[in-house]
Protein backbone atom coordinates (compact mmCIF):
# COMPACT_ATOMS: atom_id res chain seq x y z
CA MET A 1 63.98 -25.52 -10.26
CA ARG A 2 61.61 -23.71 -7.89
CA LEU A 3 60.85 -20.02 -8.31
CA ARG A 4 59.21 -17.29 -6.26
CA VAL A 5 57.49 -14.41 -8.03
CA GLU A 6 56.59 -11.15 -6.30
CA PHE A 7 54.48 -8.62 -8.20
CA THR A 8 52.38 -5.48 -8.04
CA THR A 9 50.24 -3.77 -10.65
CA GLU A 10 49.63 -0.06 -11.07
CA PRO A 11 47.97 2.38 -10.96
CA PHE A 12 47.07 1.97 -7.30
CA ASP A 13 43.67 2.79 -5.88
CA LEU A 14 43.52 2.76 -2.09
CA ASP A 15 39.72 2.86 -1.99
CA GLU A 16 38.95 -0.10 -4.24
CA ALA A 17 41.05 -2.75 -5.96
CA PRO A 18 41.34 -1.86 -9.66
CA ARG A 19 40.25 -4.36 -12.29
CA HIS A 20 43.86 -5.06 -13.36
CA ALA A 21 44.80 -6.00 -9.77
CA LEU A 22 41.84 -8.36 -9.47
CA VAL A 23 42.67 -9.97 -12.81
CA ALA A 24 46.32 -10.47 -11.81
CA ARG A 25 45.28 -12.09 -8.54
CA GLU A 26 42.80 -14.37 -10.30
CA VAL A 27 45.53 -15.54 -12.68
CA ILE A 28 47.90 -16.37 -9.84
CA GLU A 29 45.23 -18.05 -7.73
CA ALA A 30 44.10 -20.19 -10.69
CA ALA A 31 47.64 -21.27 -11.63
CA GLU A 32 49.17 -24.48 -10.34
CA LEU A 33 51.39 -22.72 -7.79
CA ASP A 34 52.27 -23.21 -4.13
CA ALA A 35 52.20 -20.73 -1.26
CA VAL A 36 50.14 -18.03 -3.00
CA ASP A 37 49.86 -14.89 -0.87
CA VAL A 38 47.86 -11.92 -2.19
CA GLY A 39 47.68 -8.57 -0.45
CA PRO A 40 46.90 -4.91 -1.07
CA PHE A 41 50.51 -3.86 -1.67
CA GLY A 42 52.11 -6.97 -3.13
CA ASN A 43 51.58 -10.57 -4.07
CA THR A 44 53.83 -13.61 -3.97
CA ALA A 45 53.64 -17.15 -5.25
CA GLU A 46 55.99 -20.10 -5.47
CA GLY A 47 56.15 -23.16 -7.64
CA GLY A 48 58.02 -25.09 -10.26
CA ALA A 49 59.74 -23.02 -12.94
CA ASP A 50 57.37 -23.97 -15.76
CA SER A 51 54.27 -23.17 -13.70
CA VAL A 52 55.62 -19.84 -12.45
CA LEU A 53 56.82 -18.70 -15.88
CA THR A 54 53.53 -19.66 -17.52
CA ALA A 55 51.60 -17.80 -14.82
CA VAL A 56 53.81 -14.71 -15.20
CA ASP A 57 53.22 -14.65 -18.97
CA THR A 58 49.45 -14.88 -18.47
CA LEU A 59 49.53 -12.34 -15.63
CA LEU A 60 51.39 -9.76 -17.73
CA ARG A 61 49.14 -10.15 -20.75
CA GLN A 62 45.85 -10.08 -18.84
CA ALA A 63 46.78 -7.33 -16.36
CA LEU A 64 47.89 -5.03 -19.18
CA GLU A 65 44.71 -5.79 -21.13
CA ALA A 66 42.71 -4.96 -17.97
CA GLY A 67 44.25 -1.49 -17.67
CA ALA A 68 47.52 -1.85 -15.78
CA THR A 69 50.02 0.82 -16.77
CA ARG A 70 52.90 -0.84 -14.91
CA VAL A 71 53.57 -4.32 -13.62
CA SER A 72 56.54 -4.65 -11.31
CA LEU A 73 57.81 -8.12 -10.70
CA GLN A 74 60.73 -9.98 -9.31
CA VAL A 75 61.50 -13.64 -9.88
CA ASN A 76 63.92 -15.52 -7.60
CA VAL A 77 65.28 -19.03 -7.71
CA ILE A 78 64.48 -20.54 -4.32
CA GLY A 79 65.60 -24.10 -4.83
CA GLU A 80 66.20 -27.04 -7.06
CA GLY A 81 63.71 -29.76 -7.79
CA GLY A 82 60.15 -29.47 -8.96
CA GLU A 83 59.50 -28.85 -12.65
């Protein structure tokens, strides 16, 4: 099964990316995922189910430890196959 995750972390800071946002992006970029797209108002990544779910677990734990007060995410099944 292939999944797509979309996420944002809060609180927002329009002047400079907060530490929790940078940590979340680093987790996603380091994970074994496809089609990673990071931006100032949202981030998306796709991959096999095991890879996406592992990355989401790490992202939640590390972003909260880095000061996030809210992590909004959505996970969608985008196809069969993969992990």
